[in-house]
N, C-alpha and C. Protein backbone atom coordinates (compact mmCIF):
# COMPACT_ATOMS: atom_id res chain seq x y z
N MET A 1 -57.86 -3.62 -4.27
CA MET A 1 -57.02 -2.63 -3.63
C MET A 1 -57.87 -1.81 -2.66
N GLN A 2 -57.33 -1.57 -1.48
CA GLN A 2 -58.07 -0.82 -0.48
C GLN A 2 -57.88 0.68 -0.67
N SER A 3 -58.89 1.43 -0.26
CA SER A 3 -58.77 2.88 -0.29
C SER A 3 -57.88 3.34 0.86
N THR A 4 -57.45 4.59 0.79
CA THR A 4 -56.61 5.16 1.85
C THR A 4 -57.35 5.12 3.19
N ASN A 5 -58.65 5.43 3.19
CA ASN A 5 -59.42 5.42 4.43
C ASN A 5 -59.52 4.02 5.01
N GLU A 6 -59.66 2.99 4.16
CA GLU A 6 -59.70 1.61 4.65
C GLU A 6 -58.36 1.21 5.25
N GLN A 7 -57.27 1.63 4.61
CA GLN A 7 -55.94 1.32 5.13
C GLN A 7 -55.72 2.02 6.46
N LEU A 8 -56.15 3.29 6.57
CA LEU A 8 -56.00 4.02 7.83
C LEU A 8 -56.81 3.33 8.94
N ALA A 9 -58.02 2.88 8.63
CA ALA A 9 -58.84 2.18 9.63
C ALA A 9 -58.14 0.92 10.11
N GLU A 10 -57.49 0.20 9.21
CA GLU A 10 -56.76 -1.01 9.62
C GLU A 10 -55.59 -0.66 10.52
N MET A 11 -54.87 0.41 10.19
CA MET A 11 -53.73 0.83 11.01
C MET A 11 -54.19 1.25 12.40
N LEU A 12 -55.40 1.78 12.50
CA LEU A 12 -55.93 2.26 13.77
C LEU A 12 -56.71 1.17 14.51
N GLY A 13 -56.61 -0.06 14.07
CA GLY A 13 -57.26 -1.16 14.77
C GLY A 13 -58.72 -1.31 14.45
N LYS A 14 -59.16 -0.82 13.29
CA LYS A 14 -60.55 -0.92 12.85
C LYS A 14 -61.52 -0.39 13.91
N THR A 15 -61.21 0.76 14.44
CA THR A 15 -62.05 1.38 15.46
C THR A 15 -63.27 2.03 14.81
N SER A 16 -64.18 2.50 15.64
CA SER A 16 -65.36 3.19 15.15
C SER A 16 -64.96 4.54 14.57
N GLN A 17 -65.71 4.99 13.57
CA GLN A 17 -65.43 6.25 12.90
C GLN A 17 -66.67 7.11 12.86
N THR A 18 -66.45 8.42 12.88
CA THR A 18 -67.52 9.38 12.69
C THR A 18 -67.08 10.32 11.58
N ILE A 19 -67.84 10.35 10.50
CA ILE A 19 -67.57 11.27 9.41
C ILE A 19 -68.40 12.52 9.67
N PHE A 20 -67.75 13.69 9.65
CA PHE A 20 -68.47 14.91 10.02
C PHE A 20 -68.11 16.09 9.14
N THR A 21 -69.07 17.00 9.06
CA THR A 21 -68.88 18.34 8.52
C THR A 21 -69.51 19.26 9.55
N GLY A 22 -69.03 20.43 9.69
CA GLY A 22 -69.60 21.34 10.69
C GLY A 22 -69.04 21.07 12.07
N ALA A 23 -69.90 21.16 13.08
CA ALA A 23 -69.46 21.08 14.47
C ALA A 23 -69.78 19.73 15.09
N VAL A 24 -68.84 19.25 15.90
CA VAL A 24 -69.05 18.09 16.77
C VAL A 24 -68.73 18.60 18.17
N ALA A 25 -69.78 18.89 18.94
CA ALA A 25 -69.62 19.57 20.23
C ALA A 25 -69.03 18.69 21.31
N SER A 26 -69.34 17.43 21.31
CA SER A 26 -68.85 16.55 22.36
C SER A 26 -68.40 15.24 21.72
N CYS A 27 -67.09 15.05 21.69
CA CYS A 27 -66.56 13.84 21.07
C CYS A 27 -65.35 13.36 21.86
N ASP A 28 -64.88 12.20 21.53
CA ASP A 28 -63.69 11.64 22.17
C ASP A 28 -62.86 10.95 21.10
N PHE A 29 -62.33 11.75 20.16
CA PHE A 29 -61.53 11.21 19.07
C PHE A 29 -60.07 11.12 19.50
N PHE A 30 -59.42 10.01 19.18
CA PHE A 30 -57.98 9.93 19.41
C PHE A 30 -57.21 10.23 18.12
N CYS A 31 -57.94 10.35 17.01
CA CYS A 31 -57.35 10.65 15.73
C CYS A 31 -58.39 11.34 14.86
N VAL A 32 -57.95 12.35 14.11
CA VAL A 32 -58.82 13.03 13.15
C VAL A 32 -58.09 13.06 11.81
N HIS A 33 -58.81 12.64 10.76
CA HIS A 33 -58.24 12.59 9.41
C HIS A 33 -59.07 13.51 8.51
N PHE A 34 -58.37 14.27 7.67
CA PHE A 34 -59.03 15.16 6.71
C PHE A 34 -58.75 14.63 5.30
N PRO A 35 -59.69 13.92 4.68
CA PRO A 35 -59.44 13.34 3.36
C PRO A 35 -59.39 14.38 2.24
N ILE A 36 -59.99 15.55 2.46
CA ILE A 36 -59.90 16.65 1.50
C ILE A 36 -59.50 17.90 2.28
N GLU A 37 -59.06 18.93 1.58
CA GLU A 37 -58.68 20.17 2.27
C GLU A 37 -59.84 20.64 3.14
N SER A 38 -59.53 20.94 4.40
CA SER A 38 -60.57 21.31 5.36
C SER A 38 -60.10 22.48 6.22
N VAL A 39 -61.05 23.35 6.55
CA VAL A 39 -60.75 24.51 7.39
C VAL A 39 -61.34 24.25 8.77
N CYS A 40 -60.48 24.26 9.77
CA CYS A 40 -60.90 24.02 11.16
C CYS A 40 -60.94 25.35 11.90
N SER A 41 -62.12 25.68 12.43
CA SER A 41 -62.27 26.94 13.16
C SER A 41 -62.25 26.76 14.67
N VAL A 42 -62.52 25.55 15.15
CA VAL A 42 -62.48 25.24 16.59
C VAL A 42 -61.95 23.83 16.77
N MET A 43 -60.97 23.69 17.68
CA MET A 43 -60.52 22.35 18.05
C MET A 43 -60.13 22.39 19.52
N LYS A 44 -60.81 21.58 20.32
CA LYS A 44 -60.49 21.47 21.75
C LYS A 44 -59.80 20.13 21.98
N ILE A 45 -58.74 20.19 22.74
CA ILE A 45 -57.94 19.01 23.04
C ILE A 45 -58.16 18.64 24.50
N ASP A 46 -58.21 17.34 24.78
CA ASP A 46 -58.39 16.84 26.14
C ASP A 46 -57.38 17.50 27.07
N GLY A 47 -57.87 18.06 28.14
CA GLY A 47 -56.99 18.69 29.12
C GLY A 47 -56.87 20.20 28.95
N SER A 48 -57.20 20.71 27.77
CA SER A 48 -57.18 22.17 27.58
C SER A 48 -58.62 22.66 27.68
N GLY A 49 -58.88 23.54 28.61
CA GLY A 49 -60.24 23.99 28.85
C GLY A 49 -60.87 24.77 27.70
N SER A 50 -60.04 25.32 26.82
CA SER A 50 -60.58 26.11 25.72
C SER A 50 -60.00 25.63 24.40
N ALA A 51 -60.47 26.21 23.32
CA ALA A 51 -60.01 25.83 21.99
C ALA A 51 -58.52 26.15 21.85
N THR A 52 -57.81 25.27 21.19
CA THR A 52 -56.38 25.46 20.94
C THR A 52 -56.22 26.22 19.63
N THR A 53 -55.84 27.49 19.72
CA THR A 53 -55.80 28.34 18.54
C THR A 53 -54.76 27.91 17.52
N ALA A 54 -53.67 27.30 17.94
CA ALA A 54 -52.62 26.87 17.00
C ALA A 54 -53.13 25.80 16.04
N LEU A 55 -54.20 25.10 16.42
CA LEU A 55 -54.74 24.03 15.58
C LEU A 55 -55.89 24.51 14.71
N GLN A 56 -56.27 25.78 14.82
CA GLN A 56 -57.34 26.36 14.01
C GLN A 56 -56.73 26.88 12.72
N THR A 57 -56.76 26.04 11.69
CA THR A 57 -56.07 26.36 10.45
C THR A 57 -56.68 25.58 9.29
N THR A 58 -56.12 25.75 8.12
CA THR A 58 -56.52 24.97 6.95
C THR A 58 -55.61 23.75 6.85
N TYR A 59 -56.21 22.58 6.81
CA TYR A 59 -55.44 21.33 6.72
C TYR A 59 -55.50 20.81 5.28
N PRO A 60 -54.34 20.49 4.71
CA PRO A 60 -54.34 19.94 3.36
C PRO A 60 -54.95 18.54 3.33
N ALA A 61 -55.41 18.13 2.16
CA ALA A 61 -55.97 16.78 2.00
C ALA A 61 -54.95 15.75 2.46
N GLY A 62 -55.43 14.76 3.22
CA GLY A 62 -54.57 13.68 3.68
C GLY A 62 -53.96 13.89 5.04
N THR A 63 -54.22 15.03 5.68
CA THR A 63 -53.66 15.31 7.01
C THR A 63 -54.32 14.41 8.06
N THR A 64 -53.50 13.84 8.93
CA THR A 64 -53.99 13.03 10.04
C THR A 64 -53.38 13.56 11.33
N LEU A 65 -54.22 13.85 12.31
CA LEU A 65 -53.76 14.34 13.61
C LEU A 65 -54.04 13.28 14.67
N PHE A 66 -53.02 12.89 15.41
CA PHE A 66 -53.20 11.96 16.51
C PHE A 66 -53.23 12.76 17.81
N LEU A 67 -54.43 13.18 18.20
CA LEU A 67 -54.67 14.00 19.38
C LEU A 67 -55.96 13.55 20.05
N ASN A 68 -56.10 13.83 21.33
CA ASN A 68 -57.35 13.55 22.03
C ASN A 68 -58.28 14.74 21.87
N VAL A 69 -59.06 14.72 20.80
CA VAL A 69 -59.95 15.84 20.46
C VAL A 69 -61.29 15.65 21.16
N THR A 70 -61.74 16.71 21.87
CA THR A 70 -63.01 16.64 22.58
C THR A 70 -64.10 17.47 21.93
N ALA A 71 -63.74 18.40 21.04
CA ALA A 71 -64.71 19.19 20.28
C ALA A 71 -64.00 19.73 19.05
N ILE A 72 -64.73 19.78 17.93
CA ILE A 72 -64.12 20.26 16.69
C ILE A 72 -65.21 20.86 15.80
N THR A 73 -64.84 21.91 15.09
CA THR A 73 -65.72 22.52 14.09
C THR A 73 -64.91 22.77 12.84
N ILE A 74 -65.42 22.29 11.71
CA ILE A 74 -64.80 22.62 10.44
C ILE A 74 -65.80 23.43 9.62
N THR A 75 -65.31 24.49 9.00
CA THR A 75 -66.18 25.38 8.24
C THR A 75 -66.26 24.98 6.77
N SER A 76 -65.31 24.20 6.32
CA SER A 76 -65.38 23.63 4.97
C SER A 76 -64.56 22.34 4.97
N GLY A 77 -64.95 21.43 4.09
CA GLY A 77 -64.25 20.16 4.02
C GLY A 77 -64.98 19.06 4.78
N VAL A 78 -64.24 17.99 5.05
CA VAL A 78 -64.78 16.80 5.72
C VAL A 78 -63.73 16.29 6.69
N GLY A 79 -64.20 15.83 7.84
CA GLY A 79 -63.32 15.20 8.82
C GLY A 79 -63.80 13.80 9.14
N ILE A 80 -62.87 12.94 9.48
CA ILE A 80 -63.19 11.60 9.97
C ILE A 80 -62.56 11.47 11.35
N GLY A 81 -63.40 11.29 12.36
CA GLY A 81 -62.92 11.13 13.72
C GLY A 81 -62.92 9.67 14.10
N TYR A 82 -61.82 9.21 14.68
CA TYR A 82 -61.69 7.82 15.11
C TYR A 82 -61.77 7.78 16.64
N HIS A 83 -62.61 6.91 17.15
CA HIS A 83 -62.76 6.78 18.59
C HIS A 83 -62.74 5.31 18.97
N THR A 84 -62.40 5.06 20.20
CA THR A 84 -62.32 3.69 20.68
C THR A 84 -63.69 3.04 20.61
N ASP A 85 -63.73 1.86 20.04
CA ASP A 85 -64.99 1.12 19.94
C ASP A 85 -65.20 0.38 21.25
N THR A 86 -66.12 0.87 22.07
CA THR A 86 -66.36 0.26 23.38
C THR A 86 -67.06 -1.09 23.27
N ALA A 87 -67.61 -1.42 22.10
CA ALA A 87 -68.27 -2.71 21.93
C ALA A 87 -67.27 -3.84 21.77
N LYS A 88 -66.03 -3.49 21.41
CA LYS A 88 -65.00 -4.53 21.26
C LYS A 88 -64.44 -4.89 22.62
N GLY A 89 -64.05 -6.12 22.75
CA GLY A 89 -63.51 -6.59 24.02
C GLY A 89 -62.14 -6.25 24.15
């Protein structure tokens, strides 16, 4: 039986993943998943020059956001960022 994260990776086309805590200053995630409760203090979305305050909140375990995230900081918890794997054809 596959884990929830393995199933999510398959649904997302088995793209590259970055598991993070703290700040990711420069990223290009098209999806962010929080496997445990996580507090997000900064989230910048592609096209918005500054942090989007409506997205700075506590996310319950299992939350998945399909957004073009360019920077993110979580003060507690864990995030998994999915980005396009440029090595794939």
